[in-house]
Amino acid sequence: MVLDKKRGAVDPILSKLATMFSSFSPDFFTWLALLCAVLAALLFYQSTPTFELEIPLLLFASLFVFLNGLFDAIDGKIAKLRHISSKKGDFLDHAVDRFADVFIVGGLALSPWCHLEIGFFAMIGMLLTSYMGTQAQAVGQKRLYSGLLGRADRLALLIFAPIIQYLLLYFFTPTIYGFSLLDWVLIYLAVIGNFTAVQRFILTLLSFNDKKQ
């Protein structure tokens, strides 16, 4: 939610990119975003807690997470620019986003950096947060982006944390209470993600009461 409030500052850049690639179908970028998520997951899974100069897998994984977020933002801009926005496209975009989220977090959870059980709870929080947002819209309320941890915030953590983790390896293999930095990121996603899901659940219930008044 923190970064979601900054959309206005990024919109001019995304609009310019959308104009440059407006000859492409929005769906092309939707599927391209998913491909980037799969590649990020594979790179996370294959990475090891060692400082690699030849093929720094963590850095490439971070790059593909960034590209996933970028292409996911561009597809909707192109659809609006070409006046071809549709419910089908909206459904495809949100559904593919969920697959992408599962691939990225799943790849990290299965990697040598993290504990699988922590990744399990991180994935629950992530999926429930997104579900509460879209379900509110499905029952006639506004699409919910509120809460402490939106998708933009998750992606930012999953872009920058691997870079920091990789740079730390140059000096030593750091752990905090037995957990790597990436493990702590998943712990954060698990705790704050589930908290955000509860936030959205309560806000949606309260919105029905507001309509009655």
Protein backbone atom coordinates (compact mmCIF):
# COMPACT_ATOMS: atom_id res chain seq x y z
CA MET A 1 0.00 0.00 0.00
CA VAL A 2 2.93 2.32 0.62
CA LEU A 3 4.10 2.16 -3.00
CA ASP A 4 0.55 2.06 -4.31
CA LYS A 5 0.20 5.69 -3.22
CA LYS A 6 3.15 6.57 -5.48
CA ARG A 7 1.44 5.41 -8.68
CA GLY A 8 0.88 8.99 -9.80
CA ALA A 9 4.63 9.62 -9.90
CA VAL A 10 5.32 6.52 -12.01
CA ASP A 11 2.32 6.79 -14.34
CA PRO A 12 3.96 9.24 -16.82
CA ILE A 13 6.87 6.82 -17.33
CA LEU A 14 4.55 3.83 -17.78
CA SER A 15 2.35 5.80 -20.18
CA LYS A 16 5.39 6.68 -22.29
CA LEU A 17 6.48 3.04 -22.41
CA ALA A 18 2.95 1.97 -23.28
CA THR A 19 2.94 4.45 -26.18
CA MET A 20 6.24 3.04 -27.44
CA PHE A 21 4.89 -0.52 -27.43
CA SER A 22 1.27 0.22 -28.33
CA SER A 23 1.54 -1.90 -31.49
CA PHE A 24 1.72 -4.98 -29.28
CA SER A 25 -1.33 -6.66 -27.78
CA PRO A 26 -1.83 -6.09 -24.02
CA ASP A 27 -2.09 -9.86 -23.63
CA PHE A 28 1.42 -10.23 -25.06
CA PHE A 29 2.83 -8.30 -22.08
CA THR A 30 0.56 -10.19 -19.66
CA TRP A 31 2.06 -13.51 -20.78
CA LEU A 32 5.55 -12.02 -20.97
CA ALA A 33 5.20 -10.94 -17.34
CA LEU A 34 4.31 -14.53 -16.41
CA LEU A 35 7.35 -15.85 -18.29
CA CYS A 36 9.57 -13.46 -16.31
CA ALA A 37 8.02 -14.73 -13.08
CA VAL A 38 8.78 -18.36 -14.06
CA LEU A 39 12.38 -17.44 -14.91
CA ALA A 40 12.76 -15.59 -11.60
CA ALA A 41 11.44 -18.65 -9.75
CA LEU A 42 13.89 -20.97 -11.50
CA LEU A 43 16.81 -18.65 -10.77
CA PHE A 44 15.84 -18.36 -7.10
CA TYR A 45 15.57 -22.15 -6.89
CA GLN A 46 18.96 -22.70 -8.55
CA SER A 47 20.81 -20.01 -6.58
CA THR A 48 23.16 -20.95 -3.76
CA PRO A 49 24.37 -19.11 -0.63
CA THR A 50 27.76 -18.36 -2.19
CA PHE A 51 29.17 -15.26 -3.87
CA GLU A 52 29.05 -16.02 -7.63
CA LEU A 53 30.93 -13.75 -10.02
CA GLU A 54 30.34 -15.63 -13.27
CA ILE A 55 26.56 -16.12 -13.06
CA PRO A 56 25.05 -14.20 -10.11
CA LEU A 57 21.71 -16.01 -10.12
CA LEU A 58 20.20 -13.89 -7.35
CA LEU A 59 20.80 -10.70 -9.33
CA PHE A 60 19.24 -12.17 -12.47
CA ALA A 61 16.28 -13.39 -10.41
CA SER A 62 15.84 -9.87 -9.07
CA LEU A 63 15.95 -8.50 -12.63
CA PHE A 64 13.18 -10.85 -13.78
CA VAL A 65 11.01 -9.94 -10.78
CA PHE A 66 11.42 -6.30 -11.82
CA LEU A 67 10.49 -7.14 -15.43
CA ASN A 68 7.45 -9.05 -14.22
CA GLY A 69 6.21 -5.96 -12.39
CA LEU A 70 7.04 -3.67 -15.31
CA PHE A 71 5.28 -5.75 -17.96
CA ASP A 72 2.30 -6.27 -15.65
CA ALA A 73 1.95 -2.49 -15.35
CA ILE A 74 2.33 -1.88 -19.07
CA ASP A 75 -0.36 -4.27 -20.31
CA GLY A 76 -3.19 -2.33 -18.68
CA LYS A 77 -1.80 0.98 -19.94
CA ILE A 78 -1.71 -0.33 -23.51
CA ALA A 79 -5.29 -1.61 -23.23
CA LYS A 80 -6.50 1.83 -22.10
CA LEU A 81 -4.39 3.61 -24.73
CA ARG A 82 -5.89 1.50 -27.52
CA HIS A 83 -9.40 1.61 -25.99
CA ILE A 84 -9.62 -2.18 -25.86
CA SER A 85 -10.04 -2.67 -22.11
CA SER A 86 -12.39 -5.56 -21.38
CA LYS A 87 -13.58 -7.77 -18.53
CA LYS A 88 -11.81 -10.71 -20.18
CA GLY A 89 -8.52 -8.81 -20.21
CA ASP A 90 -9.02 -7.72 -16.61
CA PHE A 91 -9.67 -11.32 -15.56
CA LEU A 92 -6.65 -12.58 -17.48
CA ASP A 93 -4.42 -9.92 -15.93
CA HIS A 94 -5.47 -10.70 -12.35
CA ALA A 95 -5.39 -14.48 -12.83
CA VAL A 96 -1.92 -14.43 -14.39
CA ASP A 97 -0.72 -12.14 -11.58
CA ARG A 98 -1.67 -14.82 -9.05
CA PHE A 99 0.22 -17.49 -10.99
CA ALA A 100 3.22 -15.15 -11.17
CA ASP A 101 3.08 -14.48 -7.41
CA VAL A 102 3.01 -18.20 -6.65
CA PHE A 103 5.94 -18.91 -8.97
CA ILE A 104 8.12 -16.14 -7.53
CA VAL A 105 7.45 -16.79 -3.85
CA GLY A 106 7.38 -20.55 -4.43
CA GLY A 107 10.77 -20.49 -6.15
CA LEU A 108 12.22 -18.51 -3.26
CA ALA A 109 10.61 -20.76 -0.65
CA LEU A 110 12.08 -23.88 -2.30
CA SER A 111 15.54 -22.32 -2.61
CA PRO A 112 18.46 -23.04 -0.25
CA TRP A 113 17.98 -19.56 1.22
CA CYS A 114 14.65 -20.17 2.88
CA HIS A 115 12.61 -22.48 5.07
CA LEU A 116 9.76 -24.08 3.13
CA GLU A 117 7.25 -23.75 5.98
CA ILE A 118 7.83 -19.99 6.13
CA GLY A 119 7.26 -19.77 2.37
CA PHE A 120 3.99 -21.68 2.87
CA PHE A 121 2.60 -19.02 5.21
CA ALA A 122 3.97 -16.22 3.02
CA MET A 123 2.07 -17.66 0.06
CA ILE A 124 -1.15 -17.92 2.09
CA GLY A 125 -0.90 -14.27 3.11
CA MET A 126 -0.11 -13.18 -0.42
CA LEU A 127 -3.01 -15.07 -2.02
CA LEU A 128 -5.53 -14.10 0.66
CA THR A 129 -4.58 -10.43 0.33
CA SER A 130 -5.17 -10.49 -3.42
CA TYR A 131 -8.35 -12.54 -3.03
CA MET A 132 -9.87 -10.08 -0.56
CA GLY A 133 -9.17 -7.21 -2.96
CA THR A 134 -10.79 -8.82 -5.98
CA GLN A 135 -13.62 -10.47 -4.03
CA ALA A 136 -14.71 -7.06 -2.76
CA GLN A 137 -15.07 -5.99 -6.39
CA ALA A 138 -16.86 -9.24 -7.29
CA VAL A 139 -19.64 -8.56 -4.77
CA GLY A 140 -20.21 -5.02 -5.98
CA GLN A 141 -17.84 -3.04 -3.77
CA LYS A 142 -14.79 -1.09 -4.87
CA ARG A 143 -11.63 -2.98 -5.79
CA LEU A 144 -9.52 -2.91 -2.63
CA TYR A 145 -5.86 -1.90 -2.77
CA SER A 146 -5.71 -0.77 0.85
CA GLY A 147 -3.75 -2.38 3.65
CA LEU A 148 -0.13 -2.54 4.71
CA LEU A 149 1.16 -4.80 1.95
CA GLY A 150 0.01 -4.42 -1.65
CA ARG A 151 1.49 -6.18 -4.70
CA ALA A 152 3.79 -3.28 -5.52
CA ASP A 153 5.24 -3.47 -2.00
CA ARG A 154 5.77 -7.23 -2.32
CA LEU A 155 7.53 -6.88 -5.64
CA ALA A 156 9.77 -4.10 -4.32
CA LEU A 157 10.88 -6.35 -1.46
CA LEU A 158 11.48 -9.25 -3.84
CA ILE A 159 13.51 -7.01 -6.17
CA PHE A 160 15.79 -5.31 -3.65
CA ALA A 161 16.20 -7.98 -0.96
CA PRO A 162 17.99 -10.46 -3.29
CA ILE A 163 20.38 -7.71 -4.39
CA ILE A 164 21.22 -6.84 -0.79
CA GLN A 165 21.55 -10.54 0.09
CA TYR A 166 23.97 -11.05 -2.80
CA LEU A 167 26.11 -8.03 -1.84
CA LEU A 168 26.27 -9.21 1.75
CA LEU A 169 27.78 -12.49 0.54
CA TYR A 170 30.86 -10.60 -0.60
CA PHE A 171 31.72 -10.09 3.05
CA PHE A 172 30.18 -13.09 4.83
CA THR A 173 27.15 -15.38 4.86
CA PRO A 174 24.88 -13.43 7.19
CA THR A 175 22.07 -14.92 9.25
CA ILE A 176 19.95 -13.29 11.91
CA TYR A 177 18.81 -15.75 14.57
CA GLY A 178 19.47 -18.55 12.09
CA PHE A 179 17.49 -16.99 9.22
CA SER A 180 18.86 -15.43 6.04
CA LEU A 181 17.74 -11.99 4.87
CA LEU A 182 15.50 -13.63 2.27
CA ASP A 183 14.00 -15.82 4.97
CA TRP A 184 13.17 -12.68 6.94
CA VAL A 185 11.54 -11.22 3.83
CA LEU A 186 9.26 -14.26 3.63
CA ILE A 187 8.52 -13.96 7.35
CA TYR A 188 7.53 -10.34 6.74
CA LEU A 189 5.32 -11.36 3.80
CA ALA A 190 3.71 -14.06 5.93
CA VAL A 191 2.93 -11.83 8.93
CA ILE A 192 2.06 -8.56 7.20
CA GLY A 193 0.42 -10.31 4.25
CA ASN A 194 -2.04 -12.18 6.45
CA PHE A 195 -2.62 -9.03 8.49
CA THR A 196 -3.42 -7.13 5.28
CA ALA A 197 -5.88 -9.85 4.25
CA VAL A 198 -7.70 -9.40 7.57
CA GLN A 199 -7.65 -5.62 7.09
CA ARG A 200 -9.31 -5.94 3.69
CA PHE A 201 -11.82 -8.46 5.03
CA ILE A 202 -12.94 -6.04 7.75
CA LEU A 203 -13.00 -3.03 5.40
CA THR A 204 -15.22 -4.90 2.94
CA LEU A 205 -17.67 -5.90 5.68
CA LEU A 206 -17.78 -2.30 6.94
CA SER A 207 -18.41 -1.01 3.41
CA PHE A 208 -21.73 -2.90 3.34
CA ASN A 209 -22.78 -1.10 6.53
CA ASP A 210 -21.87 2.25 4.97
CA LYS A 211 -24.13 1.57 2.00
CA LYS A 212 -27.09 0.89 4.30
CA GLN A 213 -26.75 4.30 5.94
